[in-house]
Amino acid sequence: MPPNDSPKRPPVRAARAEDGHLLRELHGVTLAQILDYLVAKLGFPGLAARISINCFSIDPSTKSSLTFLRRTPWARAKVEELYVELRAAERT
């Protein structure tokens, strides 16, 4: 059997500091609030363009997206990372 030549995904950076604590931008913010912010800012099409997840591109809704993100740590980490990036960009 030939070796798997598919490109490896880069490691998912959790939205945590080096000491393991949540970043300041995430303190006290629920996943629902993060998703609401991102949908208001980018819309589901913008989210699907930045993060390739079917729950953002195929019949998207907040409820189905939250269900998926709560059960899928790598997807949640990507959403949290995007949130932190956008919030940090607002400050500069």
Protein backbone atom coordinates (compact mmCIF):
# COMPACT_ATOMS: atom_id res chain seq x y z
CA MET A 1 0.00 0.00 0.00
CA PRO A 2 1.49 3.41 -0.95
CA PRO A 3 2.21 5.91 1.81
CA ASN A 4 -0.37 8.56 2.47
CA ASP A 5 0.78 11.61 0.49
CA SER A 6 -1.98 13.91 1.66
CA PRO A 7 -0.70 17.16 3.14
CA LYS A 8 -0.71 17.31 6.90
CA ARG A 9 -2.83 19.90 8.59
CA PRO A 10 -0.95 22.45 10.64
CA PRO A 11 -1.42 21.93 14.36
CA VAL A 12 -4.46 23.69 15.76
CA ARG A 13 -3.42 26.42 18.15
CA ALA A 14 -5.79 26.59 21.05
CA ALA A 15 -6.68 30.10 22.11
CA ARG A 16 -4.58 29.74 25.21
CA ALA A 17 -1.47 31.40 26.52
CA GLU A 18 1.74 29.44 26.97
CA ASP A 19 0.91 28.82 30.63
CA GLY A 20 -2.36 27.12 29.63
CA HIS A 21 -4.72 29.90 30.70
CA LEU A 22 -7.37 31.23 28.34
CA LEU A 23 -6.45 34.39 26.51
CA ARG A 24 -7.90 37.60 27.87
CA GLU A 25 -10.22 38.00 24.88
CA LEU A 26 -11.96 34.72 25.76
CA HIS A 27 -12.37 35.31 29.48
CA GLY A 28 -16.04 35.23 30.38
CA VAL A 29 -17.20 34.86 26.77
CA THR A 30 -19.38 31.87 25.90
CA LEU A 31 -19.15 29.94 22.66
CA ALA A 32 -22.62 31.23 21.74
CA GLN A 33 -21.43 34.83 22.18
CA ILE A 34 -18.33 34.13 20.08
CA LEU A 35 -20.42 32.63 17.28
CA ASP A 36 -22.95 35.48 17.40
CA TYR A 37 -20.11 38.01 17.12
CA LEU A 38 -18.51 36.21 14.18
CA VAL A 39 -21.81 35.80 12.35
CA ALA A 40 -22.62 39.49 12.87
CA LYS A 41 -19.15 40.50 11.68
CA LEU A 42 -18.58 38.04 8.81
CA GLY A 43 -21.85 36.21 8.22
CA PHE A 44 -21.97 32.46 7.62
CA PRO A 45 -20.51 32.81 4.10
CA GLY A 46 -17.53 34.73 5.53
CA LEU A 47 -17.05 32.12 8.24
CA ALA A 48 -17.18 29.32 5.67
CA ALA A 49 -14.57 31.13 3.57
CA ARG A 50 -12.18 31.46 6.53
CA ILE A 51 -12.85 28.13 8.24
CA SER A 52 -13.75 25.17 6.07
CA ILE A 53 -16.48 23.57 8.18
CA ASN A 54 -19.70 22.24 6.66
CA CYS A 55 -21.88 23.64 9.45
CA PHE A 56 -20.99 27.13 8.15
CA SER A 57 -21.57 26.39 4.47
CA ILE A 58 -24.38 23.83 4.21
CA ASP A 59 -27.71 25.08 5.60
CA PRO A 60 -26.00 27.06 8.40
CA SER A 61 -27.71 27.96 11.64
CA THR A 62 -26.46 29.07 15.02
CA LYS A 63 -28.00 26.06 16.76
CA SER A 64 -26.44 23.43 14.48
CA SER A 65 -23.10 25.22 14.50
CA LEU A 66 -23.02 25.38 18.31
CA THR A 67 -23.85 21.67 18.53
CA PHE A 68 -21.01 20.79 16.16
CA LEU A 69 -18.49 23.14 17.77
CA ARG A 70 -19.22 21.86 21.27
CA ARG A 71 -18.56 18.28 20.14
CA THR A 72 -15.52 18.99 17.97
CA PRO A 73 -12.52 20.45 19.81
CA TRP A 74 -10.40 21.21 16.71
CA ALA A 75 -13.25 23.18 15.12
CA ARG A 76 -13.95 25.08 18.32
CA ALA A 77 -10.25 25.96 18.58
CA LYS A 78 -10.29 27.40 15.05
CA VAL A 79 -13.39 29.49 15.81
CA GLU A 80 -11.89 30.76 19.06
CA GLU A 81 -8.64 31.62 17.28
CA LEU A 82 -10.51 33.60 14.61
CA TYR A 83 -12.44 35.44 17.33
CA VAL A 84 -9.22 36.35 19.14
CA GLU A 85 -7.65 37.57 15.86
CA LEU A 86 -10.61 39.80 15.03
CA ARG A 87 -10.89 41.22 18.55
CA ALA A 88 -7.16 41.95 18.63
CA ALA A 89 -7.40 43.69 15.25
CA GLU A 90 -10.17 45.94 16.64
CA ARG A 91 -7.82 47.14 19.36
CA THR A 92 -5.09 48.26 16.97
